[in-house]
Amino acid sequence: MHKQEATSCLSHTPLPPLPPCLPLSLPPLPRSGRLPAPANNRIPWRGDSALGDGQDHGLDLTGGWYDAGDHVKFNFPMAWSATTLIWGVLEFGDAWSKSGEMANILDTVKWPLDYLLKCHPDENTYYVQVGDGGADHQFWGPAESMNMNRPSFAVTPQNPGTEFAAEGAAALAAGSILFKDDKAYSELLKAKAKSLFELADKNRGSSDISAPFYKSYR
């Protein structure tokens, strides 16, 4: 668009101007789990949600990002999104620093990284989805009001999902580079990335856990 103001295609009335840092306002929108204190929450109308995720397997799988405007957590696109954002910071860190947004983007990418760490509780297990797409798509309401069952699904050596585990490994590996100044956190990310890559490489096979929403076409 060449106009300074966007216009509604329905009413032809000018829409309010976009905030200068709209791209950085978007990533916190789909946050799941227990959100930061109001003073640190850039989306003040969002609240805590899905605090029972993982309880069906006795785990804490809270956190991460919801997907595509609904309330399922699909690790495949989540990990890809995190990896892409992280490499953007690694490549253009000077621009992030000059904009005064470096702290915010680091906080943004750490949110899914912390969740992906939880999803790999042992060397043979990687949880790749929380929530049921069919049930979720019947619910038209905010994440804070959900009350449907939210099952957790994992890939294992017996139920392999190379694409899921490898993409998760990529996100964690990239994160270990970005957070290299936090040695303990960086080493944890690197160790989990290596473990996930081994799970992907040694147990090759494609998974349809998240189909028809996400799958590798082979």
C-alpha atoms as a PDB file:
ATOM      1  CA  MET A   1       0.000   0.000   0.000  1.00  0.00           C
ATOM      2  CA  HIS A   2       1.171   3.535  -0.804  1.00  0.00           C
ATOM      3  CA  LYS A   3      -1.276   5.322   1.458  1.00  0.00           C
ATOM      4  CA  GLN A   4      -0.184   6.467   4.887  1.00  0.00           C
ATOM      5  CA  GLU A   5      -3.314   5.052   6.493  1.00  0.00           C
ATOM      6  CA  ALA A   6      -4.923   1.653   5.962  1.00  0.00           C
ATOM      7  CA  THR A   7      -8.607   1.639   5.105  1.00  0.00           C
ATOM      8  CA  SER A   8     -11.220  -0.917   6.044  1.00  0.00           C
ATOM      9  CA  CYS A   9     -12.493  -2.743   2.950  1.00  0.00           C
ATOM     10  CA  LEU A  10     -15.931  -2.928   4.567  1.00  0.00           C
ATOM     11  CA  SER A  11     -16.550   0.578   5.843  1.00  0.00           C
ATOM     12  CA  HIS A  12     -13.896   2.594   3.985  1.00  0.00           C
ATOM     13  CA  THR A  13     -13.102   4.346   7.254  1.00  0.00           C
ATOM     14  CA  PRO A  14      -9.466   4.948   8.170  1.00  0.00           C
ATOM     15  CA  LEU A  15      -7.972   2.475  10.592  1.00  0.00           C
ATOM     16  CA  PRO A  16      -5.737   3.724  13.425  1.00  0.00           C
ATOM     17  CA  PRO A  17      -2.042   3.928  12.545  1.00  0.00           C
ATOM     18  CA  LEU A  18       0.018   0.826  13.253  1.00  0.00           C
ATOM     19  CA  PRO A  19       2.382   0.935  16.243  1.00  0.00           C
ATOM     20  CA  PRO A  20       6.024   1.452  15.251  1.00  0.00           C
ATOM     21  CA  CYS A  21       7.096  -1.939  16.626  1.00  0.00           C
ATOM     22  CA  LEU A  22       4.134  -4.009  15.443  1.00  0.00           C
ATOM     23  CA  PRO A  23       6.317  -7.034  14.463  1.00  0.00           C
ATOM     24  CA  LEU A  24       7.601  -7.221  18.031  1.00  0.00           C
ATOM     25  CA  SER A  25       4.087  -6.913  19.392  1.00  0.00           C
ATOM     26  CA  LEU A  26       2.962 -10.007  17.510  1.00  0.00           C
ATOM     27  CA  PRO A  27       5.158 -12.810  18.957  1.00  0.00           C
ATOM     28  CA  PRO A  28       3.875 -12.402  22.551  1.00  0.00           C
ATOM     29  CA  LEU A  29       0.266 -12.681  21.357  1.00  0.00           C
ATOM     30  CA  PRO A  30       0.160 -16.508  21.134  1.00  0.00           C
ATOM     31  CA  ARG A  31       1.970 -17.148  24.427  1.00  0.00           C
ATOM     32  CA  SER A  32       0.618 -20.057  26.410  1.00  0.00           C
ATOM     33  CA  GLY A  33       1.112 -20.816  30.083  1.00  0.00           C
ATOM     34  CA  ARG A  34       1.739 -18.512  33.030  1.00  0.00           C
ATOM     35  CA  LEU A  35       2.459 -15.086  31.629  1.00  0.00           C
ATOM     36  CA  PRO A  36       4.852 -12.482  33.051  1.00  0.00           C
ATOM     37  CA  ALA A  37       3.749  -9.971  35.645  1.00  0.00           C
ATOM     38  CA  PRO A  38       1.559  -7.214  34.169  1.00  0.00           C
ATOM     39  CA  ALA A  39       4.447  -4.760  34.189  1.00  0.00           C
ATOM     40  CA  ASN A  40       6.388  -7.061  31.831  1.00  0.00           C
ATOM     41  CA  ASN A  41       3.470  -8.222  29.698  1.00  0.00           C
ATOM     42  CA  ARG A  42       3.417  -6.316  26.400  1.00  0.00           C
ATOM     43  CA  ILE A  43      -0.068  -7.628  25.624  1.00  0.00           C
ATOM     44  CA  PRO A  44      -1.976  -6.526  28.748  1.00  0.00           C
ATOM     45  CA  TRP A  45      -5.288  -8.114  27.768  1.00  0.00           C
ATOM     46  CA  ARG A  46      -3.735 -11.617  27.662  1.00  0.00           C
ATOM     47  CA  GLY A  47      -3.781 -13.800  30.793  1.00  0.00           C
ATOM     48  CA  ASP A  48      -2.617 -17.208  32.021  1.00  0.00           C
ATOM     49  CA  SER A  49      -3.937 -20.226  30.123  1.00  0.00           C
ATOM     50  CA  ALA A  50      -3.519 -23.983  29.677  1.00  0.00           C
ATOM     51  CA  LEU A  51      -1.802 -24.401  33.035  1.00  0.00           C
ATOM     52  CA  GLY A  52      -2.605 -28.129  33.061  1.00  0.00           C
ATOM     53  CA  ASP A  53      -0.748 -28.978  29.861  1.00  0.00           C
ATOM     54  CA  GLY A  54       1.214 -32.205  30.225  1.00  0.00           C
ATOM     55  CA  GLN A  55      -0.630 -33.479  33.270  1.00  0.00           C
ATOM     56  CA  ASP A  56      -1.960 -36.415  31.258  1.00  0.00           C
ATOM     57  CA  HIS A  57       1.631 -37.724  31.363  1.00  0.00           C
ATOM     58  CA  GLY A  58       2.583 -36.342  34.772  1.00  0.00           C
ATOM     59  CA  LEU A  59       4.665 -33.549  33.204  1.00  0.00           C
ATOM     60  CA  ASP A  60       4.740 -29.783  33.085  1.00  0.00           C
ATOM     61  CA  LEU A  61       4.289 -28.876  29.417  1.00  0.00           C
ATOM     62  CA  THR A  62       3.057 -25.368  30.044  1.00  0.00           C
ATOM     63  CA  GLY A  63       4.419 -22.507  27.985  1.00  0.00           C
ATOM     64  CA  GLY A  64       5.241 -22.244  24.316  1.00  0.00           C
ATOM     65  CA  TRP A  65       3.150 -20.635  21.600  1.00  0.00           C
ATOM     66  CA  TYR A  66      -0.318 -21.373  20.360  1.00  0.00           C
ATOM     67  CA  ASP A  67      -0.626 -21.922  16.640  1.00  0.00           C
ATOM     68  CA  ALA A  68      -2.299 -19.920  13.873  1.00  0.00           C
ATOM     69  CA  GLY A  69      -4.929 -18.209  15.982  1.00  0.00           C
ATOM     70  CA  ASP A  70      -6.167 -21.381  17.673  1.00  0.00           C
ATOM     71  CA  HIS A  71      -5.016 -22.991  20.904  1.00  0.00           C
ATOM     72  CA  VAL A  72      -3.134 -26.134  19.901  1.00  0.00           C
ATOM     73  CA  LYS A  73       0.615 -26.185  20.438  1.00  0.00           C
ATOM     74  CA  PHE A  74       2.283 -27.705  17.390  1.00  0.00           C
ATOM     75  CA  ASN A  75       6.036 -28.006  17.912  1.00  0.00           C
ATOM     76  CA  PHE A  76       6.875 -28.376  14.235  1.00  0.00           C
ATOM     77  CA  PRO A  77       5.950 -24.814  13.167  1.00  0.00           C
ATOM     78  CA  MET A  78       6.762 -23.424  16.605  1.00  0.00           C
ATOM     79  CA  ALA A  79      10.351 -24.657  16.442  1.00  0.00           C
ATOM     80  CA  TRP A  80      10.731 -23.398  12.872  1.00  0.00           C
ATOM     81  CA  SER A  81       9.439 -19.966  13.869  1.00  0.00           C
ATOM     82  CA  ALA A  82      11.815 -19.806  16.820  1.00  0.00           C
ATOM     83  CA  THR A  83      14.761 -20.871  14.663  1.00  0.00           C
ATOM     84  CA  THR A  84      13.973 -18.229  12.060  1.00  0.00           C
ATOM     85  CA  LEU A  85      13.631 -15.447  14.624  1.00  0.00           C
ATOM     86  CA  ILE A  86      16.866 -16.501  16.332  1.00  0.00           C
ATOM     87  CA  TRP A  87      18.857 -16.464  13.095  1.00  0.00           C
ATOM     88  CA  GLY A  88      17.420 -13.041  12.351  1.00  0.00           C
ATOM     89  CA  VAL A  89      18.876 -11.791  15.629  1.00  0.00           C
ATOM     90  CA  LEU A  90      22.206 -13.498  15.013  1.00  0.00           C
ATOM     91  CA  GLU A  91      22.478 -11.958  11.546  1.00  0.00           C
ATOM     92  CA  PHE A  92      21.119  -8.503  12.350  1.00  0.00           C
ATOM     93  CA  GLY A  93      21.911  -8.089  16.028  1.00  0.00           C
ATOM     94  CA  ASP A  94      23.277  -4.579  15.509  1.00  0.00           C
ATOM     95  CA  ALA A  95      19.914  -3.429  14.171  1.00  0.00           C
ATOM     96  CA  TRP A  96      18.080  -4.963  17.117  1.00  0.00           C
ATOM     97  CA  SER A  97      20.440  -3.205  19.510  1.00  0.00           C
ATOM     98  CA  LYS A  98      20.092   0.158  17.758  1.00  0.00           C
ATOM     99  CA  SER A  99      16.310  -0.132  17.846  1.00  0.00           C
ATOM    100  CA  GLY A 100      16.380  -0.644  21.615  1.00  0.00           C
ATOM    101  CA  GLU A 101      14.494  -3.931  21.203  1.00  0.00           C
ATOM    102  CA  MET A 102      17.242  -6.469  21.877  1.00  0.00           C
ATOM    103  CA  ALA A 103      15.958  -7.331  25.359  1.00  0.00           C
ATOM    104  CA  ASN A 104      12.444  -7.828  24.012  1.00  0.00           C
ATOM    105  CA  ILE A 105      13.456 -10.100  21.152  1.00  0.00           C
ATOM    106  CA  LEU A 106      15.618 -12.204  23.476  1.00  0.00           C
ATOM    107  CA  ASP A 107      12.649 -12.562  25.814  1.00  0.00           C
ATOM    108  CA  THR A 108      10.450 -13.441  22.837  1.00  0.00           C
ATOM    109  CA  VAL A 109      12.607 -16.312  21.566  1.00  0.00           C
ATOM    110  CA  LYS A 110      13.400 -17.643  25.037  1.00  0.00           C
ATOM    111  CA  TRP A 111       9.708 -18.374  25.596  1.00  0.00           C
ATOM    112  CA  PRO A 112       9.475 -21.216  23.030  1.00  0.00           C
ATOM    113  CA  LEU A 113      13.004 -22.431  23.812  1.00  0.00           C
ATOM    114  CA  ASP A 114      12.094 -22.982  27.457  1.00  0.00           C
ATOM    115  CA  TYR A 115       9.028 -24.893  26.336  1.00  0.00           C
ATOM    116  CA  LEU A 116      10.942 -27.088  23.879  1.00  0.00           C
ATOM    117  CA  LEU A 117      13.336 -28.015  26.680  1.00  0.00           C
ATOM    118  CA  LYS A 118      10.378 -29.266  28.728  1.00  0.00           C
ATOM    119  CA  CYS A 119       9.163 -31.302  25.763  1.00  0.00           C
ATOM    120  CA  HIS A 120      12.302 -33.468  25.761  1.00  0.00           C
ATOM    121  CA  PRO A 121      12.240 -34.991  29.268  1.00  0.00           C
ATOM    122  CA  ASP A 122      14.479 -37.938  28.351  1.00  0.00           C
ATOM    123  CA  GLU A 123      16.591 -39.120  25.434  1.00  0.00           C
ATOM    124  CA  ASN A 124      13.809 -41.265  23.958  1.00  0.00           C
ATOM    125  CA  THR A 125      10.861 -38.868  24.244  1.00  0.00           C
ATOM    126  CA  TYR A 126       9.922 -35.612  22.574  1.00  0.00           C
ATOM    127  CA  TYR A 127       6.439 -34.188  23.001  1.00  0.00           C
ATOM    128  CA  VAL A 128       5.433 -32.567  19.724  1.00  0.00           C
ATOM    129  CA  GLN A 129       1.827 -31.521  20.242  1.00  0.00           C
ATOM    130  CA  VAL A 130      -0.459 -30.479  23.071  1.00  0.00           C
ATOM    131  CA  GLY A 131      -4.149 -30.171  22.333  1.00  0.00           C
ATOM    132  CA  ASP A 132      -6.565 -31.786  19.908  1.00  0.00           C
ATOM    133  CA  GLY A 133      -7.108 -29.880  16.680  1.00  0.00           C
ATOM    134  CA  GLY A 134     -10.619 -31.176  16.126  1.00  0.00           C
ATOM    135  CA  ALA A 135     -11.870 -30.278  19.597  1.00  0.00           C
ATOM    136  CA  ASP A 136      -9.982 -27.006  19.625  1.00  0.00           C
ATOM    137  CA  HIS A 137     -11.481 -25.825  16.349  1.00  0.00           C
ATOM    138  CA  GLN A 138     -14.968 -26.256  17.814  1.00  0.00           C
ATOM    139  CA  PHE A 139     -14.150 -23.743  20.545  1.00  0.00           C
ATOM    140  CA  TRP A 140     -14.608 -20.086  19.672  1.00  0.00           C
ATOM    141  CA  GLY A 141     -13.277 -18.265  22.674  1.00  0.00           C
ATOM    142  CA  PRO A 142     -10.112 -16.988  24.322  1.00  0.00           C
ATOM    143  CA  ALA A 143      -7.358 -19.291  25.517  1.00  0.00           C
ATOM    144  CA  GLU A 144      -7.982 -18.109  29.059  1.00  0.00           C
ATOM    145  CA  SER A 145     -11.459 -19.706  28.976  1.00  0.00           C
ATOM    146  CA  MET A 146     -10.555 -23.138  27.579  1.00  0.00           C
ATOM    147  CA  ASN A 147     -11.845 -26.154  29.454  1.00  0.00           C
ATOM    148  CA  MET A 148     -11.563 -28.956  26.889  1.00  0.00           C
ATOM    149  CA  ASN A 149      -9.265 -31.963  27.253  1.00  0.00           C
ATOM    150  CA  ARG A 150      -5.745 -31.211  25.984  1.00  0.00           C
ATOM    151  CA  PRO A 151      -3.872 -34.474  25.299  1.00  0.00           C
ATOM    152  CA  SER A 152      -0.107 -34.549  24.779  1.00  0.00           C
ATOM    153  CA  PHE A 153       1.552 -36.497  21.942  1.00  0.00           C
ATOM    154  CA  ALA A 154       5.187 -37.601  21.696  1.00  0.00           C
ATOM    155  CA  VAL A 155       7.583 -39.150  19.215  1.00  0.00           C
ATOM    156  CA  THR A 156       9.758 -42.002  20.473  1.00  0.00           C
ATOM    157  CA  PRO A 157      12.004 -44.687  18.954  1.00  0.00           C
ATOM    158  CA  GLN A 158       8.898 -46.855  18.599  1.00  0.00           C
ATOM    159  CA  ASN A 159       6.856 -43.975  17.142  1.00  0.00           C
ATOM    160  CA  PRO A 160       9.457 -41.934  15.261  1.00  0.00           C
ATOM    161  CA  GLY A 161       9.078 -38.416  13.963  1.00  0.00           C
ATOM    162  CA  THR A 162      12.381 -37.341  12.456  1.00  0.00           C
ATOM    163  CA  GLU A 163      11.061 -34.028  11.140  1.00  0.00           C
ATOM    164  CA  PHE A 164       9.699 -33.008  14.548  1.00  0.00           C
ATOM    165  CA  ALA A 165      12.815 -33.908  16.504  1.00  0.00           C
ATOM    166  CA  ALA A 166      15.234 -32.463  13.948  1.00  0.00           C
ATOM    167  CA  GLU A 167      13.416 -29.135  13.791  1.00  0.00           C
ATOM    168  CA  GLY A 168      13.385 -28.968  17.570  1.00  0.00           C
ATOM    169  CA  ALA A 169      17.113 -29.676  17.596  1.00  0.00           C
ATOM    170  CA  ALA A 170      17.671 -26.832  15.129  1.00  0.00           C
ATOM    171  CA  ALA A 171      15.825 -24.354  17.341  1.00  0.00           C
ATOM    172  CA  LEU A 172      17.709 -25.374  20.475  1.00  0.00           C
ATOM    173  CA  ALA A 173      21.068 -25.357  18.684  1.00  0.00           C
ATOM    174  CA  ALA A 174      20.444 -21.867  17.308  1.00  0.00           C
ATOM    175  CA  GLY A 175      19.372 -20.743  20.762  1.00  0.00           C
ATOM    176  CA  SER A 176      22.596 -22.056  22.277  1.00  0.00           C
ATOM    177  CA  ILE A 177      24.512 -19.705  19.970  1.00  0.00           C
ATOM    178  CA  LEU A 178      22.305 -16.704  20.660  1.00  0.00           C
ATOM    179  CA  PHE A 179      22.490 -17.157  24.436  1.00  0.00           C
ATOM    180  CA  LYS A 180      26.198 -18.009  24.541  1.00  0.00           C
ATOM    181  CA  ASP A 181      26.818 -15.329  27.169  1.00  0.00           C
ATOM    182  CA  ASP A 182      24.588 -17.279  29.570  1.00  0.00           C
ATOM    183  CA  LYS A 183      26.904 -20.253  29.724  1.00  0.00           C
ATOM    184  CA  ALA A 184      24.724 -22.584  31.787  1.00  0.00           C
ATOM    185  CA  TYR A 185      21.627 -21.969  29.657  1.00  0.00           C
ATOM    186  CA  SER A 186      23.596 -22.203  26.413  1.00  0.00           C
ATOM    187  CA  GLU A 187      25.125 -25.524  27.424  1.00  0.00           C
ATOM    188  CA  LEU A 188      21.702 -26.889  28.396  1.00  0.00           C
ATOM    189  CA  LEU A 189      20.278 -25.888  25.017  1.00  0.00           C
ATOM    190  CA  LYS A 190      23.222 -27.466  23.208  1.00  0.00           C
ATOM    191  CA  ALA A 191      23.004 -30.712  25.159  1.00  0.00           C
ATOM    192  CA  LYS A 192      19.267 -31.040  24.507  1.00  0.00           C
ATOM    193  CA  ALA A 193      19.802 -30.173  20.822  1.00  0.00           C
ATOM    194  CA  LYS A 194      22.342 -32.976  20.472  1.00  0.00           C
ATOM    195  CA  SER A 195      20.025 -35.410  22.230  1.00  0.00           C
ATOM    196  CA  LEU A 196      17.095 -34.454  20.006  1.00  0.00           C
ATOM    197  CA  PHE A 197      19.208 -34.769  16.876  1.00  0.00           C
ATOM    198  CA  GLU A 198      20.254 -38.272  17.914  1.00  0.00           C
ATOM    199  CA  LEU A 199      16.610 -39.199  18.487  1.00  0.00           C
ATOM    200  CA  ALA A 200      15.824 -37.912  14.984  1.00  0.00           C
ATOM    201  CA  ASP A 201      18.807 -39.504  13.267  1.00  0.00           C
ATOM    202  CA  LYS A 202      18.845 -42.909  14.917  1.00  0.00           C
ATOM    203  CA  ASN A 203      15.085 -43.462  14.622  1.00  0.00           C
ATOM    204  CA  ARG A 204      14.272 -42.298  11.130  1.00  0.00           C
ATOM    205  CA  GLY A 205      10.658 -42.115  10.172  1.00  0.00           C
ATOM    206  CA  SER A 206       7.994 -39.532   9.402  1.00  0.00           C
ATOM    207  CA  SER A 207       5.110 -38.918  11.774  1.00  0.00           C
ATOM    208  CA  ASP A 208       1.511 -37.969  11.097  1.00  0.00           C
ATOM    209  CA  ILE A 209       0.782 -36.980  14.705  1.00  0.00           C
ATOM    210  CA  SER A 210      -0.094 -33.419  13.706  1.00  0.00           C
ATOM    211  CA  ALA A 211      -1.815 -34.285  10.416  1.00  0.00           C
ATOM    212  CA  PRO A 212      -3.805 -32.959   8.687  1.00  0.00           C
ATOM    213  CA  PHE A 213      -2.634 -29.651  10.086  1.00  0.00           C
ATOM    214  CA  TYR A 214       1.113 -30.208   9.713  1.00  0.00           C
ATOM    215  CA  LYS A 215       3.036 -33.052   8.112  1.00  0.00           C
ATOM    216  CA  SER A 216       6.042 -33.722   5.916  1.00  0.00           C
ATOM    217  CA  TYR A 217       5.012 -34.794   2.448  1.00  0.00           C
ATOM    218  CA  ARG A 218       7.178 -37.674   1.337  1.00  0.00           C
END
